[in-house]
Amino acid sequence: MKAFWEGLWTKNPVLVLALGLVPAVAATTTAANGLALGLITAVILVIAAFINWLLVPHVPDNARTAVKLLVLIVLVVAAYSVLLGQNPAMVSSLGIFLPLIAFSDLLLHQGEGTDGLTQVVLGACGRGLGFTAVLLVLGIIREFLGFGSIFGQQIVEGALPPLALAASVPGGMVVLGLLMAFVNLVSKRGGELHD
């Protein structure tokens, strides 16, 4: 259970380890994009963790990274194909960041197969749900500030959105930085190095 909570909060991939920042900032202009990319990433993380747990003990040390990457590529292509058949607009909205899941450092930091299956899967679930939660919160904040809506439902009416800059990439970096600062304040961390 410790691995789950570490991935979800204390070693959150985005807010603490600063991994996956590019999709976190570029793809989360809306809450729907953040939720979709987060859930797809979480599912791929869990399935890849299980498959890698099965395969890694039987693969030579020098080929493990290649095998892990191959597993991720196959899973991402499968997810891309399913999503393209079900919701082509979402694939278009996520752009290049859906195929790039396979190359994200977040996904390459999996258990080595020496941990038990439960530990590996719980760790992947924690990292996946932590990533999803951050993308969702970031998407909600940016969509509200940039467009005055949440999940496409207009909340603030007017000629100009409240803070249109929040919908841009620089605005996304500002919002993410503020979110990271808030998490550091709540968890009483910040300014020092952690392992």
N, C-alpha and C. Protein backbone atom coordinates (compact mmCIF):
# COMPACT_ATOMS: atom_id res chain seq x y z
N MET A 1 0.82 -1.19 0.00
CA MET A 1 0.00 0.00 0.00
C MET A 1 0.86 1.26 0.00
N LYS A 2 2.08 1.14 0.55
CA LYS A 2 2.99 2.28 0.59
C LYS A 2 3.34 2.75 -0.82
N ALA A 3 3.55 1.81 -1.74
CA ALA A 3 3.88 2.17 -3.13
C ALA A 3 2.74 2.92 -3.79
N PHE A 4 1.51 2.56 -3.45
CA PHE A 4 0.34 3.25 -4.01
C PHE A 4 0.32 4.71 -3.56
N TRP A 5 0.47 4.95 -2.25
CA TRP A 5 0.41 6.31 -1.71
C TRP A 5 1.59 7.15 -2.16
N GLU A 6 2.75 6.51 -2.33
CA GLU A 6 3.91 7.25 -2.83
C GLU A 6 3.63 7.79 -4.22
N GLY A 7 3.10 6.95 -5.09
CA GLY A 7 2.80 7.39 -6.45
C GLY A 7 1.69 8.41 -6.51
N LEU A 8 0.76 8.29 -5.59
CA LEU A 8 -0.39 9.19 -5.59
C LEU A 8 -0.04 10.55 -4.99
N TRP A 9 0.78 10.58 -3.93
CA TRP A 9 0.99 11.86 -3.25
C TRP A 9 2.47 12.18 -3.01
N THR A 10 3.17 11.38 -2.20
CA THR A 10 4.51 11.77 -1.76
C THR A 10 5.54 11.76 -2.88
N LYS A 11 5.37 10.93 -3.87
CA LYS A 11 6.26 10.92 -5.04
C LYS A 11 5.43 11.03 -6.31
N ASN A 12 4.46 11.97 -6.28
CA ASN A 12 3.60 12.19 -7.45
C ASN A 12 4.48 12.50 -8.66
N PRO A 13 4.22 11.83 -9.78
CA PRO A 13 5.08 12.00 -10.95
C PRO A 13 5.21 13.45 -11.43
N VAL A 14 4.15 14.21 -11.38
CA VAL A 14 4.20 15.58 -11.90
C VAL A 14 4.56 16.58 -10.81
N LEU A 15 3.86 16.55 -9.70
CA LEU A 15 4.00 17.58 -8.69
C LEU A 15 5.27 17.47 -7.85
N VAL A 16 5.79 16.27 -7.67
CA VAL A 16 6.97 16.09 -6.82
C VAL A 16 8.19 15.72 -7.65
N LEU A 17 8.06 14.76 -8.55
CA LEU A 17 9.20 14.31 -9.33
C LEU A 17 9.40 15.10 -10.61
N ALA A 18 8.43 15.93 -10.97
CA ALA A 18 8.48 16.78 -12.18
C ALA A 18 8.68 15.96 -13.44
N LEU A 19 8.02 14.82 -13.53
CA LEU A 19 8.03 14.00 -14.74
C LEU A 19 6.73 14.21 -15.50
N GLY A 20 6.78 14.10 -16.79
CA GLY A 20 5.57 14.24 -17.59
C GLY A 20 5.06 15.66 -17.65
N LEU A 21 5.96 16.64 -17.54
CA LEU A 21 5.53 18.04 -17.54
C LEU A 21 5.02 18.49 -18.90
N VAL A 22 5.61 17.99 -19.98
CA VAL A 22 5.19 18.44 -21.31
C VAL A 22 3.73 18.09 -21.58
N PRO A 23 3.30 16.83 -21.42
CA PRO A 23 1.88 16.58 -21.63
C PRO A 23 1.01 17.25 -20.59
N ALA A 24 1.54 17.39 -19.37
CA ALA A 24 0.75 18.03 -18.32
C ALA A 24 0.43 19.47 -18.68
N VAL A 25 1.33 20.16 -19.32
CA VAL A 25 1.11 21.56 -19.66
C VAL A 25 0.46 21.70 -21.03
N ALA A 26 0.92 20.95 -22.00
CA ALA A 26 0.45 21.15 -23.37
C ALA A 26 -0.92 20.55 -23.65
N ALA A 27 -1.26 19.45 -23.02
CA ALA A 27 -2.51 18.76 -23.38
C ALA A 27 -3.67 19.09 -22.45
N THR A 28 -3.44 19.79 -21.36
CA THR A 28 -4.49 20.00 -20.37
C THR A 28 -5.18 21.35 -20.50
N THR A 29 -5.43 21.78 -21.71
CA THR A 29 -6.15 23.05 -21.87
C THR A 29 -7.61 22.91 -21.45
N THR A 30 -8.11 21.67 -21.42
CA THR A 30 -9.47 21.42 -20.94
C THR A 30 -9.46 20.27 -19.95
N ALA A 31 -10.48 20.21 -19.13
CA ALA A 31 -10.60 19.13 -18.14
C ALA A 31 -10.76 17.77 -18.84
N ALA A 32 -11.50 17.74 -19.94
CA ALA A 32 -11.72 16.49 -20.67
C ALA A 32 -10.40 15.94 -21.21
N ASN A 33 -9.56 16.81 -21.75
CA ASN A 33 -8.26 16.36 -22.24
C ASN A 33 -7.40 15.81 -21.11
N GLY A 34 -7.37 16.52 -19.99
CA GLY A 34 -6.59 16.06 -18.85
C GLY A 34 -7.06 14.71 -18.33
N LEU A 35 -8.37 14.56 -18.22
CA LEU A 35 -8.92 13.29 -17.73
C LEU A 35 -8.64 12.16 -18.71
N ALA A 36 -8.84 12.41 -19.99
CA ALA A 36 -8.63 11.36 -21.00
C ALA A 36 -7.17 10.92 -21.03
N LEU A 37 -6.25 11.88 -21.13
CA LEU A 37 -4.83 11.52 -21.19
C LEU A 37 -4.39 10.85 -19.89
N GLY A 38 -4.88 11.33 -18.76
CA GLY A 38 -4.53 10.72 -17.48
C GLY A 38 -5.02 9.29 -17.35
N LEU A 39 -6.27 9.05 -17.72
CA LEU A 39 -6.81 7.69 -17.61
C LEU A 39 -6.14 6.73 -18.57
N ILE A 40 -5.89 7.18 -19.79
CA ILE A 40 -5.20 6.32 -20.76
C ILE A 40 -3.81 5.98 -20.24
N THR A 41 -3.11 6.97 -19.71
CA THR A 41 -1.78 6.75 -19.16
C THR A 41 -1.83 5.79 -17.98
N ALA A 42 -2.80 5.96 -17.09
CA ALA A 42 -2.92 5.10 -15.92
C ALA A 42 -3.17 3.65 -16.32
N VAL A 43 -4.07 3.44 -17.26
CA VAL A 43 -4.36 2.07 -17.70
C VAL A 43 -3.13 1.44 -18.34
N ILE A 44 -2.44 2.21 -19.19
CA ILE A 44 -1.23 1.68 -19.82
C ILE A 44 -0.16 1.38 -18.78
N LEU A 45 -0.02 2.24 -17.78
CA LEU A 45 0.95 2.01 -16.71
C LEU A 45 0.70 0.69 -15.99
N VAL A 46 -0.55 0.44 -15.63
CA VAL A 46 -0.88 -0.77 -14.88
C VAL A 46 -0.67 -2.02 -15.73
N ILE A 47 -1.14 -1.98 -16.96
CA ILE A 47 -0.97 -3.15 -17.85
C ILE A 47 0.51 -3.39 -18.14
N ALA A 48 1.25 -2.31 -18.40
CA ALA A 48 2.68 -2.45 -18.68
C ALA A 48 3.43 -2.98 -17.46
N ALA A 49 3.05 -2.52 -16.27
CA ALA A 49 3.70 -3.00 -15.05
C ALA A 49 3.50 -4.51 -14.90
N PHE A 50 2.29 -4.97 -15.16
CA PHE A 50 2.00 -6.41 -15.05
C PHE A 50 2.79 -7.20 -16.09
N ILE A 51 2.76 -6.76 -17.34
CA ILE A 51 3.48 -7.47 -18.41
C ILE A 51 4.98 -7.46 -18.14
N ASN A 52 5.51 -6.29 -17.74
CA ASN A 52 6.95 -6.21 -17.46
C ASN A 52 7.33 -7.08 -16.27
N TRP A 53 6.47 -7.17 -15.28
CA TRP A 53 6.74 -8.03 -14.13
C TRP A 53 6.88 -9.48 -14.59
N LEU A 54 6.05 -9.87 -15.57
CA LEU A 54 6.13 -11.23 -16.09
C LEU A 54 7.37 -11.44 -16.95
N LEU A 55 7.73 -10.44 -17.77
CA LEU A 55 8.78 -10.61 -18.75
C LEU A 55 10.19 -10.34 -18.24
N VAL A 56 10.37 -9.32 -17.42
CA VAL A 56 11.71 -8.84 -17.05
C VAL A 56 12.60 -9.93 -16.47
N PRO A 57 12.14 -10.82 -15.61
CA PRO A 57 13.05 -11.85 -15.09
C PRO A 57 13.62 -12.77 -16.18
N HIS A 58 12.97 -12.83 -17.34
CA HIS A 58 13.40 -13.74 -18.40
C HIS A 58 14.17 -13.02 -19.51
N VAL A 59 14.44 -11.74 -19.31
CA VAL A 59 15.11 -10.93 -20.34
C VAL A 59 16.50 -10.56 -19.82
N PRO A 60 17.51 -10.63 -20.69
CA PRO A 60 18.86 -10.20 -20.25
C PRO A 60 18.87 -8.73 -19.83
N ASP A 61 19.77 -8.40 -18.92
CA ASP A 61 19.84 -7.04 -18.37
C ASP A 61 19.97 -5.98 -19.45
N ASN A 62 20.78 -6.24 -20.48
CA ASN A 62 21.03 -5.23 -21.49
C ASN A 62 19.85 -5.03 -22.44
N ALA A 63 18.83 -5.87 -22.37
CA ALA A 63 17.67 -5.74 -23.26
C ALA A 63 16.39 -5.32 -22.53
N ARG A 64 16.47 -5.13 -21.23
CA ARG A 64 15.26 -4.84 -20.44
C ARG A 64 14.60 -3.53 -20.84
N THR A 65 15.38 -2.49 -21.03
CA THR A 65 14.80 -1.20 -21.41
C THR A 65 14.10 -1.30 -22.76
N ALA A 66 14.72 -2.00 -23.69
CA ALA A 66 14.12 -2.17 -25.02
C ALA A 66 12.81 -2.96 -24.93
N VAL A 67 12.78 -3.99 -24.12
CA VAL A 67 11.56 -4.78 -23.97
C VAL A 67 10.46 -3.95 -23.31
N LYS A 68 10.82 -3.19 -22.27
CA LYS A 68 9.83 -2.33 -21.62
C LYS A 68 9.26 -1.31 -22.60
N LEU A 69 10.13 -0.73 -23.40
CA LEU A 69 9.69 0.25 -24.38
C LEU A 69 8.82 -0.39 -25.44
N LEU A 70 9.16 -1.58 -25.87
CA LEU A 70 8.35 -2.29 -26.85
C LEU A 70 6.96 -2.59 -26.29
N VAL A 71 6.88 -3.02 -25.05
CA VAL A 71 5.59 -3.27 -24.41
C VAL A 71 4.76 -1.99 -24.39
N LEU A 72 5.39 -0.88 -24.02
CA LEU A 72 4.68 0.41 -23.98
C LEU A 72 4.20 0.83 -25.37
N ILE A 73 5.04 0.65 -26.37
CA ILE A 73 4.65 1.04 -27.73
C ILE A 73 3.45 0.23 -28.19
N VAL A 74 3.47 -1.06 -27.96
CA VAL A 74 2.34 -1.92 -28.36
C VAL A 74 1.06 -1.49 -27.64
N LEU A 75 1.16 -1.22 -26.34
CA LEU A 75 -0.02 -0.80 -25.58
C LEU A 75 -0.53 0.57 -26.04
N VAL A 76 0.36 1.49 -26.32
CA VAL A 76 -0.06 2.82 -26.77
C VAL A 76 -0.70 2.74 -28.15
N VAL A 77 -0.14 1.95 -29.04
CA VAL A 77 -0.75 1.79 -30.37
C VAL A 77 -2.13 1.17 -30.24
N ALA A 78 -2.29 0.20 -29.38
CA ALA A 78 -3.60 -0.40 -29.16
C ALA A 78 -4.59 0.62 -28.60
N ALA A 79 -4.16 1.39 -27.60
CA ALA A 79 -5.03 2.42 -27.02
C ALA A 79 -5.38 3.48 -28.06
N TYR A 80 -4.41 3.87 -28.86
CA TYR A 80 -4.64 4.87 -29.91
C TYR A 80 -5.66 4.37 -30.92
N SER A 81 -5.53 3.11 -31.32
CA SER A 81 -6.46 2.52 -32.29
C SER A 81 -7.88 2.45 -31.73
N VAL A 82 -8.01 2.03 -30.48
CA VAL A 82 -9.33 1.94 -29.85
C VAL A 82 -9.95 3.33 -29.73
N LEU A 83 -9.17 4.28 -29.24
CA LEU A 83 -9.69 5.63 -29.06
C LEU A 83 -10.02 6.29 -30.40
N LEU A 84 -9.23 6.01 -31.42
CA LEU A 84 -9.49 6.57 -32.75
C LEU A 84 -10.81 6.04 -33.30
N GLY A 85 -11.10 4.77 -33.04
CA GLY A 85 -12.37 4.19 -33.48
C GLY A 85 -13.56 4.72 -32.69
N GLN A 86 -13.36 4.99 -31.40
CA GLN A 86 -14.45 5.42 -30.52
C GLN A 86 -14.67 6.93 -30.53
N ASN A 87 -13.58 7.69 -30.52
CA ASN A 87 -13.69 9.14 -30.38
C ASN A 87 -12.56 9.85 -31.14
N PRO A 88 -12.68 9.98 -32.46
CA PRO A 88 -11.62 10.62 -33.25
C PRO A 88 -11.36 12.07 -32.84
N ALA A 89 -12.37 12.77 -32.35
CA ALA A 89 -12.18 14.16 -31.93
C ALA A 89 -11.22 14.23 -30.73
N MET A 90 -11.31 13.26 -29.82
CA MET A 90 -10.41 13.25 -28.67
C MET A 90 -8.98 12.98 -29.10
N VAL A 91 -8.80 12.08 -30.06
CA VAL A 91 -7.46 11.80 -30.58
C VAL A 91 -6.88 13.07 -31.20
N SER A 92 -7.70 13.78 -31.94
CA SER A 92 -7.27 15.04 -32.54
C SER A 92 -6.93 16.08 -31.47
N SER A 93 -7.73 16.13 -30.43
CA SER A 93 -7.53 17.10 -29.36
C SER A 93 -6.25 16.81 -28.56
N LEU A 94 -5.95 15.54 -28.34
CA LEU A 94 -4.75 15.18 -27.59
C LEU A 94 -3.49 15.31 -28.44
N GLY A 95 -3.66 15.25 -29.75
CA GLY A 95 -2.54 15.46 -30.65
C GLY A 95 -1.42 14.46 -30.46
N ILE A 96 -0.21 14.96 -30.52
CA ILE A 96 0.98 14.12 -30.46
C ILE A 96 1.22 13.54 -29.07
N PHE A 97 0.56 14.08 -28.07
CA PHE A 97 0.85 13.67 -26.70
C PHE A 97 0.31 12.28 -26.37
N LEU A 98 -0.67 11.80 -27.10
CA LEU A 98 -1.14 10.43 -26.89
C LEU A 98 -0.09 9.42 -27.34
N PRO A 99 0.46 9.52 -28.56
CA PRO A 99 1.51 8.56 -28.93
C PRO A 99 2.79 8.70 -28.10
N LEU A 100 3.05 9.88 -27.58
CA LEU A 100 4.28 10.09 -26.82
C LEU A 100 4.24 9.51 -25.41
N ILE A 101 3.10 8.96 -25.01
CA ILE A 101 3.02 8.31 -23.70
C ILE A 101 4.10 7.24 -23.57
N ALA A 102 4.36 6.54 -24.67
CA ALA A 102 5.31 5.44 -24.63
C ALA A 102 6.71 5.90 -24.26
N PHE A 103 7.04 7.14 -24.56
CA PHE A 103 8.40 7.61 -24.33
C PHE A 103 8.54 8.49 -23.10
N SER A 104 7.49 8.65 -22.38
CA SER A 104 7.54 9.48 -21.19
C SER A 104 8.38 8.81 -20.11
N ASP A 105 9.20 9.61 -19.44
CA ASP A 105 10.01 9.07 -18.34
C ASP A 105 9.13 8.46 -17.27
N LEU A 106 7.94 9.00 -17.11
CA LEU A 106 7.00 8.49 -16.12
C LEU A 106 6.77 6.99 -16.31
N LEU A 107 6.58 6.59 -17.56
CA LEU A 107 6.25 5.20 -17.83
C LEU A 107 7.46 4.28 -17.80
N LEU A 108 8.64 4.85 -18.00
CA LEU A 108 9.83 4.00 -18.02
C LEU A 108 10.35 3.69 -16.62
N HIS A 109 9.83 4.33 -15.61
CA HIS A 109 10.26 4.07 -14.24
C HIS A 109 9.33 3.05 -13.58
N GLN A 110 9.47 1.83 -13.98
CA GLN A 110 8.63 0.74 -13.48
C GLN A 110 9.45 -0.12 -12.53
N GLY A 111 8.76 -1.01 -11.81
CA GLY A 111 9.45 -1.97 -10.97
C GLY A 111 10.30 -2.90 -11.81
N GLU A 112 11.36 -3.42 -11.24
CA GLU A 112 12.30 -4.24 -11.99
C GLU A 112 11.91 -5.72 -12.03
N GLY A 113 10.81 -6.09 -11.50
CA GLY A 113 10.45 -7.49 -11.52
C GLY A 113 10.91 -8.24 -10.29
N THR A 114 11.72 -7.59 -9.44
CA THR A 114 12.17 -8.24 -8.22
C THR A 114 11.14 -8.04 -7.11
N ASP A 115 10.31 -7.00 -7.23
CA ASP A 115 9.23 -6.79 -6.27
C ASP A 115 8.11 -7.77 -6.56
N GLY A 116 7.23 -7.95 -5.59
CA GLY A 116 6.08 -8.81 -5.81
C GLY A 116 5.09 -8.17 -6.76
N LEU A 117 4.24 -8.98 -7.34
CA LEU A 117 3.25 -8.48 -8.31
C LEU A 117 2.35 -7.43 -7.69
N THR A 118 1.90 -7.66 -6.47
CA THR A 118 1.02 -6.69 -5.81
C THR A 118 1.71 -5.34 -5.66
N GLN A 119 2.97 -5.36 -5.24
CA GLN A 119 3.73 -4.13 -5.04
C GLN A 119 3.90 -3.38 -6.36
N VAL A 120 4.21 -4.09 -7.42
CA VAL A 120 4.42 -3.47 -8.73
C VAL A 120 3.13 -2.86 -9.26
N VAL A 121 2.03 -3.60 -9.16
CA VAL A 121 0.75 -3.11 -9.67
C VAL A 121 0.24 -1.94 -8.82
N LEU A 122 0.37 -2.03 -7.49
CA LEU A 122 -0.05 -0.92 -6.64
C LEU A 122 0.78 0.34 -6.92
N GLY A 123 2.06 0.18 -7.14
CA GLY A 123 2.91 1.32 -7.49
C GLY A 123 2.48 1.96 -8.80
N ALA A 124 2.18 1.13 -9.79
CA ALA A 124 1.72 1.64 -11.08
C ALA A 124 0.36 2.32 -10.95
N CYS A 125 -0.53 1.73 -10.14
CA CYS A 125 -1.84 2.36 -9.91
C CYS A 125 -1.67 3.72 -9.24
N GLY A 126 -0.83 3.80 -8.25
CA GLY A 126 -0.59 5.07 -7.55
C GLY A 126 -0.04 6.12 -8.48
N ARG A 127 1.00 5.77 -9.27
CA ARG A 127 1.57 6.73 -10.21
C ARG A 127 0.55 7.14 -11.26
N GLY A 128 -0.21 6.17 -11.75
CA GLY A 128 -1.21 6.47 -12.78
C GLY A 128 -2.32 7.35 -12.26
N LEU A 129 -2.83 7.04 -11.07
CA LEU A 129 -3.90 7.86 -10.50
C LEU A 129 -3.38 9.23 -10.07
N GLY A 130 -2.15 9.28 -9.58
CA GLY A 130 -1.54 10.57 -9.24
C GLY A 130 -1.38 11.44 -10.47
N PHE A 131 -0.92 10.86 -11.56
CA PHE A 131 -0.78 11.58 -12.82
C PHE A 131 -2.14 12.05 -13.33
N THR A 132 -3.13 11.16 -13.25
CA THR A 132 -4.48 11.50 -13.70
C THR A 132 -5.07 12.63 -12.86
N ALA A 133 -4.90 12.55 -11.55
CA ALA A 133 -5.45 13.60 -10.67
C ALA A 133 -4.85 14.96 -10.99
N VAL A 134 -3.53 15.00 -11.20
CA VAL A 134 -2.89 16.28 -11.51
C VAL A 134 -3.37 16.80 -12.86
N LEU A 135 -3.44 15.94 -13.87
CA LEU A 135 -3.91 16.40 -15.18
C LEU A 135 -5.35 16.88 -15.10
N LEU A 136 -6.18 16.20 -14.34
CA LEU A 136 -7.58 16.61 -14.20
C LEU A 136 -7.69 17.96 -13.50
N VAL A 137 -7.01 18.12 -12.38
CA VAL A 137 -7.06 19.39 -11.65
C VAL A 137 -6.49 20.52 -12.51
N LEU A 138 -5.38 20.26 -13.17
CA LEU A 138 -4.78 21.26 -14.04
C LEU A 138 -5.72 21.62 -15.18
N GLY A 139 -6.37 20.62 -15.77
CA GLY A 139 -7.32 20.88 -16.85
C GLY A 139 -8.53 21.67 -16.39
N ILE A 140 -9.05 21.35 -15.21
CA ILE A 140 -10.20 22.09 -14.67
C ILE A 140 -9.83 23.55 -14.43
N ILE A 141 -8.70 23.77 -13.78
CA ILE A 141 -8.28 25.15 -13.49
C ILE A 141 -8.06 25.93 -14.78
N ARG A 142 -7.33 25.34 -15.72
CA ARG A 142 -7.01 26.06 -16.96
C ARG A 142 -8.25 26.30 -17.81
N GLU A 143 -9.15 25.32 -17.87
CA GLU A 143 -10.37 25.51 -18.66
C GLU A 143 -11.24 26.59 -18.03
N PHE A 144 -11.35 26.59 -16.72
CA PHE A 144 -12.18 27.60 -16.05
C PHE A 144 -11.59 29.00 -16.24
N LEU A 145 -10.29 29.13 -15.99
CA LEU A 145 -9.67 30.45 -16.12
C LEU A 145 -9.58 30.91 -17.57
N GLY A 146 -9.31 29.99 -18.47
CA GLY A 146 -9.11 30.36 -19.87
C GLY A 146 -10.38 30.51 -20.69
N PHE A 147 -11.39 29.70 -20.39
CA PHE A 147 -12.60 29.70 -21.21
C PHE A 147 -13.86 29.98 -20.41
N GLY A 148 -13.76 29.97 -19.09
CA GLY A 148 -14.93 30.20 -18.26
C GLY A 148 -15.87 29.01 -18.19
N SER A 149 -15.33 27.81 -18.46
CA SER A 149 -16.17 26.60 -18.46
C SER A 149 -15.43 25.47 -17.76
N ILE A 150 -16.19 24.42 -17.42
CA ILE A 150 -15.61 23.18 -16.88
C ILE A 150 -16.29 22.03 -17.58
N PHE A 151 -15.50 21.14 -18.16
CA PHE A 151 -16.00 20.03 -18.98
C PHE A 151 -16.96 20.54 -20.05
N GLY A 152 -16.66 21.69 -20.63
CA GLY A 152 -17.44 22.24 -21.72
C GLY A 152 -18.70 22.97 -21.30
N GLN A 153 -19.05 22.92 -20.02
CA GLN A 153 -20.24 23.62 -19.52
C GLN A 153 -19.85 25.03 -19.12
N GLN A 154 -20.44 26.01 -19.81
CA GLN A 154 -20.12 27.41 -19.55
C GLN A 154 -20.56 27.80 -18.14
N ILE A 155 -19.63 28.37 -17.37
CA ILE A 155 -19.91 28.79 -16.01
C ILE A 155 -19.89 30.31 -15.90
N VAL A 156 -18.93 30.93 -16.55
CA VAL A 156 -18.80 32.38 -16.53
C VAL A 156 -19.14 32.90 -17.92
N GLU A 157 -20.12 33.76 -18.00
CA GLU A 157 -20.52 34.37 -19.27
C GLU A 157 -19.80 35.69 -19.42
N GLY A 158 -19.52 36.05 -20.66
CA GLY A 158 -18.91 37.34 -20.91
C GLY A 158 -18.19 37.35 -22.23
N ALA A 159 -17.80 38.54 -22.63
CA ALA A 159 -17.11 38.70 -23.91
C ALA A 159 -15.69 38.13 -23.85
N LEU A 160 -15.00 38.35 -22.76
CA LEU A 160 -13.65 37.85 -22.61
C LEU A 160 -13.59 36.82 -21.49
N PRO A 161 -12.85 35.72 -21.71
CA PRO A 161 -12.68 34.76 -20.62
C PRO A 161 -11.94 35.42 -19.45
N PRO A 162 -12.12 34.90 -18.26
CA PRO A 162 -11.50 35.52 -17.08
C PRO A 162 -9.99 35.74 -17.24
N LEU A 163 -9.25 34.74 -17.53
CA LEU A 163 -7.80 34.84 -17.72
C LEU A 163 -7.40 33.96 -18.91
N ALA A 164 -7.53 34.51 -20.10
CA ALA A 164 -7.29 33.74 -21.31
C ALA A 164 -5.88 33.15 -21.38
N LEU A 165 -4.93 33.79 -20.72
CA LEU A 165 -3.56 33.30 -20.73
C LEU A 165 -3.46 31.89 -20.15
N ALA A 166 -4.34 31.52 -19.25
CA ALA A 166 -4.29 30.19 -18.62
C ALA A 166 -4.47 29.07 -19.63
N ALA A 167 -5.12 29.34 -20.76
CA ALA A 167 -5.34 28.32 -21.77
C ALA A 167 -4.12 28.13 -22.66
N SER A 168 -3.12 29.01 -22.56
CA SER A 168 -1.92 28.89 -23.39
C SER A 168 -0.86 28.07 -22.63
N VAL A 169 0.19 27.68 -23.35
CA VAL A 169 1.25 26.89 -22.73
C VAL A 169 1.97 27.69 -21.63
N PRO A 170 2.32 28.97 -21.86
CA PRO A 170 2.95 29.70 -20.75
C PRO A 170 2.02 29.81 -19.54
N GLY A 171 0.74 30.02 -19.78
CA GLY A 171 -0.22 30.06 -18.67
C GLY A 171 -0.31 28.73 -17.97
N GLY A 172 -0.21 27.64 -18.73
CA GLY A 172 -0.22 26.31 -18.13
C GLY A 172 0.98 26.09 -17.23
N MET A 173 2.14 26.62 -17.62
CA MET A 173 3.32 26.51 -16.76
C MET A 173 3.13 27.28 -15.46
N VAL A 174 2.52 28.46 -15.56
CA VAL A 174 2.26 29.26 -14.36
C VAL A 174 1.30 28.52 -13.43
N VAL A 175 0.21 28.00 -13.99
CA VAL A 175 -0.77 27.28 -13.17
C VAL A 175 -0.13 26.04 -12.55
N LEU A 176 0.66 25.30 -13.32
CA LEU A 176 1.33 24.12 -12.79
C LEU A 176 2.31 24.50 -11.69
N GLY A 177 3.06 25.57 -11.88
CA GLY A 177 3.99 26.03 -10.84
C GLY A 177 3.27 26.40 -9.56
N LEU A 178 2.13 27.08 -9.69
CA LEU A 178 1.35 27.44 -8.51
C LEU A 178 0.79 26.19 -7.82
N LEU A 179 0.37 25.21 -8.61
CA LEU A 179 -0.13 23.95 -8.06
C LEU A 179 0.99 23.21 -7.32
N MET A 180 2.19 23.20 -7.90
CA MET A 180 3.34 22.56 -7.23
C MET A 180 3.67 23.28 -5.93
N ALA A 181 3.63 24.60 -5.95
CA ALA A 181 3.90 25.37 -4.73
C ALA A 181 2.86 25.08 -3.67
N PHE A 182 1.59 24.96 -4.07
CA PHE A 182 0.53 24.65 -3.11
C PHE A 182 0.75 23.28 -2.48
N VAL A 183 1.11 22.30 -3.29
CA VAL A 183 1.37 20.95 -2.76
C VAL A 183 2.55 20.98 -1.81
N ASN A 184 3.59 21.73 -2.15
CA ASN A 184 4.75 21.85 -1.23
C ASN A 184 4.35 22.51 0.07
N LEU A 185 3.47 23.50 0.01
CA LEU A 185 3.00 24.18 1.21
C LEU A 185 2.19 23.23 2.09
N VAL A 186 1.27 22.49 1.48
CA VAL A 186 0.42 21.56 2.23
C VAL A 186 1.25 20.43 2.85
N SER A 187 2.20 19.90 2.08
CA SER A 187 2.99 18.77 2.56
C SER A 187 4.23 19.22 3.35
N LYS A 188 4.37 20.55 3.52
CA LYS A 188 5.49 21.12 4.27
C LYS A 188 6.83 20.71 3.70
N ARG A 189 6.89 20.71 2.36
CA ARG A 189 8.13 20.42 1.64
C ARG A 189 8.45 21.64 0.80
N GLY A 190 9.63 21.63 0.28
CA GLY A 190 10.02 22.69 -0.63
C GLY A 190 11.32 23.32 -0.20
N GLY A 191 12.17 23.57 -1.17
CA GLY A 191 13.43 24.22 -0.89
C GLY A 191 14.55 23.26 -0.55
N GLU A 192 14.23 22.03 -0.22
CA GLU A 192 15.28 21.06 0.09
C GLU A 192 15.14 19.89 -0.87
N LEU A 193 16.20 19.12 -1.00
CA LEU A 193 16.19 17.98 -1.91
C LEU A 193 15.65 16.75 -1.20
N HIS A 194 14.91 15.94 -1.94
CA HIS A 194 14.37 14.69 -1.42
C HIS A 194 14.86 13.55 -2.29
N ASP A 195 14.88 12.32 -1.76
CA ASP A 195 15.22 11.18 -2.60
C ASP A 195 13.98 10.48 -3.05
